Amino acid sequence: MAAYNTQTGKERWTLPDKSGDRVAPEVTLVRAGLVYGTTENGPVVLDSTTGADKEEQPGIAPYFSDGYVGIALTDSDHTVTAYRTEN
């Protein structure tokens, strides 16, 4: 997984990282400067510009969000669930 500067085309960041500490998530949603996804360790939220973790324990990796509600699958039975976002 990699992110590029839209003006220059140069790579901004890549995962897995060179130190091997971070893996590339399975991306579920990119919205409002954030990359949401899942890894074997659970959901992640990354800053799309830097690739840095934006939240420590996001709880879900939504497939859709309008800024007020996030739609995700529950881990236990894979049912669709709506969650209120924090604004």
PDB file of N, CA and C in Angstrom:
ATOM      1  N   MET A   1       0.841  -1.153   0.000  1.00  0.00           N
ATOM      2  CA  MET A   1       0.000   0.000   0.000  1.00  0.00           C
ATOM      3  C   MET A   1       0.896   1.228   0.000  1.00  0.00           C
ATOM      4  N   ALA A   2       0.532   2.220  -0.795  1.00  0.00           N
ATOM      5  CA  ALA A   2       1.321   3.441  -0.857  1.00  0.00           C
ATOM      6  C   ALA A   2       0.401   4.638  -1.085  1.00  0.00           C
ATOM      7  N   ALA A   3       0.854   5.806  -0.647  1.00  0.00           N
ATOM      8  CA  ALA A   3       0.131   7.057  -0.883  1.00  0.00           C
ATOM      9  C   ALA A   3       1.064   8.000  -1.628  1.00  0.00           C
ATOM     10  N   TYR A   4       0.484   8.740  -2.568  1.00  0.00           N
ATOM     11  CA  TYR A   4       1.281   9.628  -3.421  1.00  0.00           C
ATOM     12  C   TYR A   4       0.784  11.063  -3.334  1.00  0.00           C
ATOM     13  N   ASN A   5       1.698  12.003  -3.511  1.00  0.00           N
ATOM     14  CA  ASN A   5       1.362  13.409  -3.591  1.00  0.00           C
ATOM     15  C   ASN A   5       0.687  13.648  -4.937  1.00  0.00           C
ATOM     16  N   THR A   6      -0.520  14.172  -4.927  1.00  0.00           N
ATOM     17  CA  THR A   6      -1.260  14.363  -6.174  1.00  0.00           C
ATOM     18  C   THR A   6      -0.669  15.458  -7.054  1.00  0.00           C
ATOM     19  N   GLN A   7       0.109  16.367  -6.484  1.00  0.00           N
ATOM     20  CA  GLN A   7       0.717  17.445  -7.261  1.00  0.00           C
ATOM     21  C   GLN A   7       2.013  17.008  -7.943  1.00  0.00           C
ATOM     22  N   THR A   8       2.840  16.243  -7.206  1.00  0.00           N
ATOM     23  CA  THR A   8       4.163  15.885  -7.719  1.00  0.00           C
ATOM     24  C   THR A   8       4.257  14.437  -8.197  1.00  0.00           C
ATOM     25  N   GLY A   9       3.338  13.581  -7.739  1.00  0.00           N
ATOM     26  CA  GLY A   9       3.408  12.169  -8.081  1.00  0.00           C
ATOM     27  C   GLY A   9       4.415  11.392  -7.249  1.00  0.00           C
ATOM     28  N   LYS A  10       5.068  12.074  -6.296  1.00  0.00           N
ATOM     29  CA  LYS A  10       6.056  11.403  -5.455  1.00  0.00           C
ATOM     30  C   LYS A  10       5.368  10.645  -4.316  1.00  0.00           C
ATOM     31  N   GLU A  11       5.976   9.534  -3.954  1.00  0.00           N
ATOM     32  CA  GLU A  11       5.444   8.725  -2.864  1.00  0.00           C
ATOM     33  C   GLU A  11       5.545   9.466  -1.538  1.00  0.00           C
ATOM     34  N   ARG A  12       4.442   9.493  -0.780  1.00  0.00           N
ATOM     35  CA  ARG A  12       4.429  10.111   0.549  1.00  0.00           C
ATOM     36  C   ARG A  12       4.799   9.095   1.625  1.00  0.00           C
ATOM     37  N   TRP A  13       4.164   7.926   1.564  1.00  0.00           N
ATOM     38  CA  TRP A  13       4.416   6.875   2.546  1.00  0.00           C
ATOM     39  C   TRP A  13       4.001   5.527   1.972  1.00  0.00           C
ATOM     40  N   THR A  14       4.499   4.466   2.615  1.00  0.00           N
ATOM     41  CA  THR A  14       4.179   3.114   2.166  1.00  0.00           C
ATOM     42  C   THR A  14       4.065   2.171   3.362  1.00  0.00           C
ATOM     43  N   LEU A  15       3.239   1.174   3.231  1.00  0.00           N
ATOM     44  CA  LEU A  15       3.107   0.118   4.240  1.00  0.00           C
ATOM     45  C   LEU A  15       3.109  -1.219   3.522  1.00  0.00           C
ATOM     46  N   PRO A  16       3.778  -2.248   4.055  1.00  0.00           N
ATOM     47  CA  PRO A  16       4.455  -2.233   5.340  1.00  0.00           C
ATOM     48  C   PRO A  16       5.650  -1.282   5.322  1.00  0.00           C
ATOM     49  N   ASP A  17       5.988  -0.770   6.503  1.00  0.00           N
ATOM     50  CA  ASP A  17       7.085   0.194   6.578  1.00  0.00           C
ATOM     51  C   ASP A  17       8.433  -0.531   6.572  1.00  0.00           C
ATOM     52  N   LYS A  18       9.492   0.242   6.371  1.00  0.00           N
ATOM     53  CA  LYS A  18      10.833  -0.334   6.247  1.00  0.00           C
ATOM     54  C   LYS A  18      11.313  -1.006   7.527  1.00  0.00           C
ATOM     55  N   SER A  19      10.843  -0.528   8.681  1.00  0.00           N
ATOM     56  CA  SER A  19      11.263  -1.134   9.948  1.00  0.00           C
ATOM     57  C   SER A  19      10.555  -2.451  10.215  1.00  0.00           C
ATOM     58  N   GLY A  20       9.464  -2.702   9.481  1.00  0.00           N
ATOM     59  CA  GLY A  20       8.727  -3.940   9.660  1.00  0.00           C
ATOM     60  C   GLY A  20       7.784  -3.926  10.848  1.00  0.00           C
ATOM     61  N   ASP A  21       7.612  -2.740  11.457  1.00  0.00           N
ATOM     62  CA  ASP A  21       6.741  -2.620  12.630  1.00  0.00           C
ATOM     63  C   ASP A  21       5.261  -2.508  12.267  1.00  0.00           C
ATOM     64  N   ARG A  22       4.978  -2.046  11.067  1.00  0.00           N
ATOM     65  CA  ARG A  22       3.584  -1.795  10.678  1.00  0.00           C
ATOM     66  C   ARG A  22       3.262  -2.535   9.393  1.00  0.00           C
ATOM     67  N   VAL A  23       2.057  -3.083   9.329  1.00  0.00           N
ATOM     68  CA  VAL A  23       1.611  -3.816   8.152  1.00  0.00           C
ATOM     69  C   VAL A  23       0.608  -2.975   7.379  1.00  0.00           C
ATOM     70  N   ALA A  24       0.390  -3.345   6.135  1.00  0.00           N
ATOM     71  CA  ALA A  24      -0.607  -2.659   5.319  1.00  0.00           C
ATOM     72  C   ALA A  24      -1.989  -3.186   5.681  1.00  0.00           C
ATOM     73  N   PRO A  25      -2.935  -2.282   5.942  1.00  0.00           N
ATOM     74  CA  PRO A  25      -4.288  -2.732   6.255  1.00  0.00           C
ATOM     75  C   PRO A  25      -5.050  -3.123   4.995  1.00  0.00           C
ATOM     76  N   GLU A  26      -6.108  -3.878   5.185  1.00  0.00           N
ATOM     77  CA  GLU A  26      -7.088  -4.096   4.127  1.00  0.00           C
ATOM     78  C   GLU A  26      -8.015  -2.891   4.198  1.00  0.00           C
ATOM     79  N   VAL A  27      -7.930  -2.023   3.213  1.00  0.00           N
ATOM     80  CA  VAL A  27      -8.645  -0.746   3.240  1.00  0.00           C
ATOM     81  C   VAL A  27     -10.144  -0.963   3.042  1.00  0.00           C
ATOM     82  N   THR A  28     -10.929  -0.320   3.910  1.00  0.00           N
ATOM     83  CA  THR A  28     -12.384  -0.384   3.796  1.00  0.00           C
ATOM     84  C   THR A  28     -12.978   0.929   3.320  1.00  0.00           C
ATOM     85  N   LEU A  29     -12.317   2.060   3.641  1.00  0.00           N
ATOM     86  CA  LEU A  29     -12.862   3.376   3.285  1.00  0.00           C
ATOM     87  C   LEU A  29     -11.756   4.421   3.330  1.00  0.00           C
ATOM     88  N   VAL A  30     -11.795   5.352   2.389  1.00  0.00           N
ATOM     89  CA  VAL A  30     -10.929   6.536   2.420  1.00  0.00           C
ATOM     90  C   VAL A  30     -11.863   7.722   2.368  1.00  0.00           C
ATOM     91  N   ARG A  31     -11.807   8.578   3.397  1.00  0.00           N
ATOM     92  CA  ARG A  31     -12.733   9.705   3.479  1.00  0.00           C
ATOM     93  C   ARG A  31     -12.150  10.806   4.356  1.00  0.00           C
ATOM     94  N   ALA A  32     -12.290  12.025   3.902  1.00  0.00           N
ATOM     95  CA  ALA A  32     -11.936  13.216   4.687  1.00  0.00           C
ATOM     96  C   ALA A  32     -10.529  13.141   5.264  1.00  0.00           C
ATOM     97  N   GLY A  33      -9.572  12.711   4.456  1.00  0.00           N
ATOM     98  CA  GLY A  33      -8.183  12.686   4.890  1.00  0.00           C
ATOM     99  C   GLY A  33      -7.817  11.503   5.766  1.00  0.00           C
ATOM    100  N   LEU A  34      -8.693  10.511   5.857  1.00  0.00           N
ATOM    101  CA  LEU A  34      -8.440   9.341   6.686  1.00  0.00           C
ATOM    102  C   LEU A  34      -8.537   8.066   5.862  1.00  0.00           C
ATOM    103  N   VAL A  35      -7.722   7.076   6.226  1.00  0.00           N
ATOM    104  CA  VAL A  35      -7.777   5.756   5.616  1.00  0.00           C
ATOM    105  C   VAL A  35      -8.217   4.789   6.711  1.00  0.00           C
ATOM    106  N   TYR A  36      -9.339   4.116   6.483  1.00  0.00           N
ATOM    107  CA  TYR A  36      -9.870   3.137   7.432  1.00  0.00           C
ATOM    108  C   TYR A  36      -9.571   1.744   6.893  1.00  0.00           C
ATOM    109  N   GLY A  37      -9.255   0.821   7.783  1.00  0.00           N
ATOM    110  CA  GLY A  37      -8.998  -0.534   7.344  1.00  0.00           C
ATOM    111  C   GLY A  37      -8.865  -1.488   8.505  1.00  0.00           C
ATOM    112  N   THR A  38      -8.562  -2.741   8.157  1.00  0.00           N
ATOM    113  CA  THR A  38      -8.396  -3.765   9.176  1.00  0.00           C
ATOM    114  C   THR A  38      -7.063  -4.474   8.980  1.00  0.00           C
ATOM    115  N   THR A  39      -6.515  -4.935  10.091  1.00  0.00           N
ATOM    116  CA  THR A  39      -5.317  -5.766  10.098  1.00  0.00           C
ATOM    117  C   THR A  39      -5.603  -6.970  10.992  1.00  0.00           C
ATOM    118  N   GLU A  40      -4.651  -7.864  11.112  1.00  0.00           N
ATOM    119  CA  GLU A  40      -4.838  -9.011  12.003  1.00  0.00           C
ATOM    120  C   GLU A  40      -4.975  -8.576  13.454  1.00  0.00           C
ATOM    121  N   ASN A  41      -4.567  -7.341  13.753  1.00  0.00           N
ATOM    122  CA  ASN A  41      -4.678  -6.805  15.117  1.00  0.00           C
ATOM    123  C   ASN A  41      -5.938  -5.980  15.336  1.00  0.00           C
ATOM    124  N   GLY A  42      -6.784  -5.873  14.310  1.00  0.00           N
ATOM    125  CA  GLY A  42      -8.029  -5.124  14.454  1.00  0.00           C
ATOM    126  C   GLY A  42      -8.091  -3.916  13.540  1.00  0.00           C
ATOM    127  N   PRO A  43      -9.111  -3.071  13.737  1.00  0.00           N
ATOM    128  CA  PRO A  43      -9.309  -1.894  12.896  1.00  0.00           C
ATOM    129  C   PRO A  43      -8.217  -0.842  13.095  1.00  0.00           C
ATOM    130  N   VAL A  44      -7.961  -0.081  12.026  1.00  0.00           N
ATOM    131  CA  VAL A  44      -7.004   1.029  12.088  1.00  0.00           C
ATOM    132  C   VAL A  44      -7.586   2.248  11.377  1.00  0.00           C
ATOM    133  N   VAL A  45      -7.126   3.419  11.799  1.00  0.00           N
ATOM    134  CA  VAL A  45      -7.441   4.675  11.114  1.00  0.00           C
ATOM    135  C   VAL A  45      -6.122   5.396  10.927  1.00  0.00           C
ATOM    136  N   LEU A  46      -5.783   5.680   9.666  1.00  0.00           N
ATOM    137  CA  LEU A  46      -4.516   6.333   9.340  1.00  0.00           C
ATOM    138  C   LEU A  46      -4.760   7.719   8.760  1.00  0.00           C
ATOM    139  N   ASP A  47      -3.818   8.618   8.988  1.00  0.00           N
ATOM    140  CA  ASP A  47      -3.815   9.920   8.335  1.00  0.00           C
ATOM    141  C   ASP A  47      -3.396   9.681   6.888  1.00  0.00           C
ATOM    142  N   SER A  48      -4.203  10.096   5.927  1.00  0.00           N
ATOM    143  CA  SER A  48      -3.901   9.796   4.524  1.00  0.00           C
ATOM    144  C   SER A  48      -2.679  10.552   4.001  1.00  0.00           C
ATOM    145  N   THR A  49      -2.302  11.641   4.628  1.00  0.00           N
ATOM    146  CA  THR A  49      -1.140  12.415   4.184  1.00  0.00           C
ATOM    147  C   THR A  49       0.168  11.828   4.693  1.00  0.00           C
ATOM    148  N   THR A  50       0.172  11.374   5.959  1.00  0.00           N
ATOM    149  CA  THR A  50       1.418  10.911   6.575  1.00  0.00           C
ATOM    150  C   THR A  50       1.501   9.401   6.762  1.00  0.00           C
ATOM    151  N   GLY A  51       0.362   8.714   6.789  1.00  0.00           N
ATOM    152  CA  GLY A  51       0.338   7.282   7.064  1.00  0.00           C
ATOM    153  C   GLY A  51       0.396   6.957   8.547  1.00  0.00           C
ATOM    154  N   ALA A  52       0.466   7.991   9.377  1.00  0.00           N
ATOM    155  CA  ALA A  52       0.535   7.781  10.830  1.00  0.00           C
ATOM    156  C   ALA A  52      -0.816   7.338  11.378  1.00  0.00           C
ATOM    157  N   ASP A  53      -0.783   6.571  12.461  1.00  0.00           N
ATOM    158  CA  ASP A  53      -2.021   6.190  13.134  1.00  0.00           C
ATOM    159  C   ASP A  53      -2.742   7.444  13.613  1.00  0.00           C
ATOM    160  N   LYS A  54      -4.023   7.527  13.319  1.00  0.00           N
ATOM    161  CA  LYS A  54      -4.820   8.683  13.715  1.00  0.00           C
ATOM    162  C   LYS A  54      -5.577   8.406  15.013  1.00  0.00           C
ATOM    163  N   GLU A  55      -5.931   7.146  15.241  1.00  0.00           N
ATOM    164  CA  GLU A  55      -6.630   6.744  16.467  1.00  0.00           C
ATOM    165  C   GLU A  55      -5.956   5.508  17.031  1.00  0.00           C
ATOM    166  N   GLU A  56      -5.901   5.417  18.356  1.00  0.00           N
ATOM    167  CA  GLU A  56      -5.270   4.270  19.011  1.00  0.00           C
ATOM    168  C   GLU A  56      -6.121   3.010  18.887  1.00  0.00           C
ATOM    169  N   GLN A  57      -7.407   3.096  19.219  1.00  0.00           N
ATOM    170  CA  GLN A  57      -8.304   1.941  19.158  1.00  0.00           C
ATOM    171  C   GLN A  57      -9.634   2.386  18.562  1.00  0.00           C
ATOM    172  N   PRO A  58      -9.739   2.418  17.230  1.00  0.00           N
ATOM    173  CA  PRO A  58     -10.946   2.961  16.609  1.00  0.00           C
ATOM    174  C   PRO A  58     -12.198   2.122  16.812  1.00  0.00           C
ATOM    175  N   GLY A  59     -12.067   0.850  17.093  1.00  0.00           N
ATOM    176  CA  GLY A  59     -13.243   0.025  17.339  1.00  0.00           C
ATOM    177  C   GLY A  59     -13.865  -0.570  16.090  1.00  0.00           C
ATOM    178  N   ILE A  60     -13.978   0.207  15.010  1.00  0.00           N
ATOM    179  CA  ILE A  60     -14.544  -0.296  13.756  1.00  0.00           C
ATOM    180  C   ILE A  60     -13.734   0.220  12.576  1.00  0.00           C
ATOM    181  N   ALA A  61     -13.916  -0.438  11.462  1.00  0.00           N
ATOM    182  CA  ALA A  61     -13.369   0.012  10.179  1.00  0.00           C
ATOM    183  C   ALA A  61     -14.566   0.136   9.238  1.00  0.00           C
ATOM    184  N   PRO A  62     -15.147   1.322   9.130  1.00  0.00           N
ATOM    185  CA  PRO A  62     -16.377   1.470   8.347  1.00  0.00           C
ATOM    186  C   PRO A  62     -16.156   1.275   6.847  1.00  0.00           C
ATOM    187  N   TYR A  63     -17.210   0.838   6.194  1.00  0.00           N
ATOM    188  CA  TYR A  63     -17.233   0.725   4.737  1.00  0.00           C
ATOM    189  C   TYR A  63     -17.889   1.948   4.115  1.00  0.00           C
ATOM    190  N   PHE A  64     -18.627   2.691   4.935  1.00  0.00           N
ATOM    191  CA  PHE A  64     -19.294   3.914   4.490  1.00  0.00           C
ATOM    192  C   PHE A  64     -19.409   4.843   5.679  1.00  0.00           C
ATOM    193  N   SER A  65     -19.269   6.143   5.427  1.00  0.00           N
ATOM    194  CA  SER A  65     -19.522   7.144   6.456  1.00  0.00           C
ATOM    195  C   SER A  65     -19.883   8.451   5.771  1.00  0.00           C
ATOM    196  N   ASP A  66     -20.851   9.139   6.349  1.00  0.00           N
ATOM    197  CA  ASP A  66     -21.211  10.457   5.851  1.00  0.00           C
ATOM    198  C   ASP A  66     -20.755  11.551   6.808  1.00  0.00           C
ATOM    199  N   GLY A  67     -19.933  11.185   7.777  1.00  0.00           N
ATOM    200  CA  GLY A  67     -19.464  12.136   8.769  1.00  0.00           C
ATOM    201  C   GLY A  67     -20.296  12.118  10.037  1.00  0.00           C
ATOM    202  N   TYR A  68     -21.471  11.528   9.983  1.00  0.00           N
ATOM    203  CA  TYR A  68     -22.349  11.418  11.141  1.00  0.00           C
ATOM    204  C   TYR A  68     -22.542   9.967  11.568  1.00  0.00           C
ATOM    205  N   VAL A  69     -22.588   9.070  10.593  1.00  0.00           N
ATOM    206  CA  VAL A  69     -22.808   7.647  10.838  1.00  0.00           C
ATOM    207  C   VAL A  69     -21.783   6.847  10.051  1.00  0.00           C
ATOM    208  N   GLY A  70     -21.257   5.798  10.673  1.00  0.00           N
ATOM    209  CA  GLY A  70     -20.374   4.862   9.989  1.00  0.00           C
ATOM    210  C   GLY A  70     -21.059   3.516   9.890  1.00  0.00           C
ATOM    211  N   ILE A  71     -20.967   2.869   8.743  1.00  0.00           N
ATOM    212  CA  ILE A  71     -21.548   1.549   8.532  1.00  0.00           C
ATOM    213  C   ILE A  71     -20.406   0.537   8.479  1.00  0.00           C
ATOM    214  N   ALA A  72     -20.489  -0.488   9.328  1.00  0.00           N
ATOM    215  CA  ALA A  72     -19.426  -1.490   9.409  1.00  0.00           C
ATOM    216  C   ALA A  72     -20.037  -2.869   9.618  1.00  0.00           C
ATOM    217  N   LEU A  73     -19.195  -3.886   9.464  1.00  0.00           N
ATOM    218  CA  LEU A  73     -19.596  -5.259   9.752  1.00  0.00           C
ATOM    219  C   LEU A  73     -19.152  -5.612  11.164  1.00  0.00           C
ATOM    220  N   THR A  74     -20.009  -6.296  11.918  1.00  0.00           N
ATOM    221  CA  THR A  74     -19.598  -6.764  13.233  1.00  0.00           C
ATOM    222  C   THR A  74     -18.693  -7.975  13.059  1.00  0.00           C
ATOM    223  N   ASP A  75     -17.698  -8.107  13.923  1.00  0.00           N
ATOM    224  CA  ASP A  75     -16.739  -9.208  13.828  1.00  0.00           C
ATOM    225  C   ASP A  75     -17.386 -10.564  14.087  1.00  0.00           C
ATOM    226  N   SER A  76     -18.290 -10.609  15.039  1.00  0.00           N
ATOM    227  CA  SER A  76     -18.825 -11.903  15.466  1.00  0.00           C
ATOM    228  C   SER A  76     -19.673 -12.596  14.409  1.00  0.00           C
ATOM    229  N   ASP A  77     -20.603 -11.867  13.778  1.00  0.00           N
ATOM    230  CA  ASP A  77     -21.499 -12.537  12.829  1.00  0.00           C
ATOM    231  C   ASP A  77     -21.597 -11.830  11.473  1.00  0.00           C
ATOM    232  N   HIS A  78     -20.761 -10.830  11.253  1.00  0.00           N
ATOM    233  CA  HIS A  78     -20.694 -10.108   9.982  1.00  0.00           C
ATOM    234  C   HIS A  78     -22.026  -9.475   9.563  1.00  0.00           C
ATOM    235  N   THR A  79     -22.783  -9.006  10.541  1.00  0.00           N
ATOM    236  CA  THR A  79     -23.990  -8.255  10.221  1.00  0.00           C
ATOM    237  C   THR A  79     -23.634  -6.787  10.068  1.00  0.00           C
ATOM    238  N   VAL A  80     -24.423  -6.072   9.305  1.00  0.00           N
ATOM    239  CA  VAL A  80     -24.194  -4.650   9.087  1.00  0.00           C
ATOM    240  C   VAL A  80     -24.720  -3.874  10.289  1.00  0.00           C
ATOM    241  N   THR A  81     -23.888  -2.963  10.800  1.00  0.00           N
ATOM    242  CA  THR A  81     -24.250  -2.173  11.970  1.00  0.00           C
ATOM    243  C   THR A  81     -23.888  -0.714  11.719  1.00  0.00           C
ATOM    244  N   ALA A  82     -24.735   0.192  12.201  1.00  0.00           N
ATOM    245  CA  ALA A  82     -24.481   1.632  12.092  1.00  0.00           C
ATOM    246  C   ALA A  82     -23.927   2.145  13.421  1.00  0.00           C
ATOM    247  N   TYR A  83     -22.931   3.004  13.335  1.00  0.00           N
ATOM    248  CA  TYR A  83     -22.304   3.598  14.515  1.00  0.00           C
ATOM    249  C   TYR A  83     -22.285   5.112  14.363  1.00  0.00           C
ATOM    250  N   ARG A  84     -22.546   5.829  15.426  1.00  0.00           N
ATOM    251  CA  ARG A  84     -22.440   7.292  15.401  1.00  0.00           C
ATOM    252  C   ARG A  84     -20.963   7.660  15.396  1.00  0.00           C
ATOM    253  N   THR A  85     -20.610   8.623  14.545  1.00  0.00           N
ATOM    254  CA  THR A  85     -19.221   9.087  14.511  1.00  0.00           C
ATOM    255  C   THR A  85     -19.027  10.177  15.542  1.00  0.00           C
ATOM    256  N   GLU A  86     -17.766  10.399  15.913  1.00  0.00           N
ATOM    257  CA  GLU A  86     -17.443  11.473  16.837  1.00  0.00           C
ATOM    258  C   GLU A  86     -17.043  12.679  16.026  1.00  0.00           C
ATOM    259  N   ASN A  87     -17.766  13.756  16.182  1.00  0.00           N
ATOM    260  CA  ASN A  87     -17.447  15.003  15.459  1.00  0.00           C
ATOM    261  C   ASN A  87     -16.870  16.010  16.408  1.00  0.00           C
TER     262      ASN A  87
END
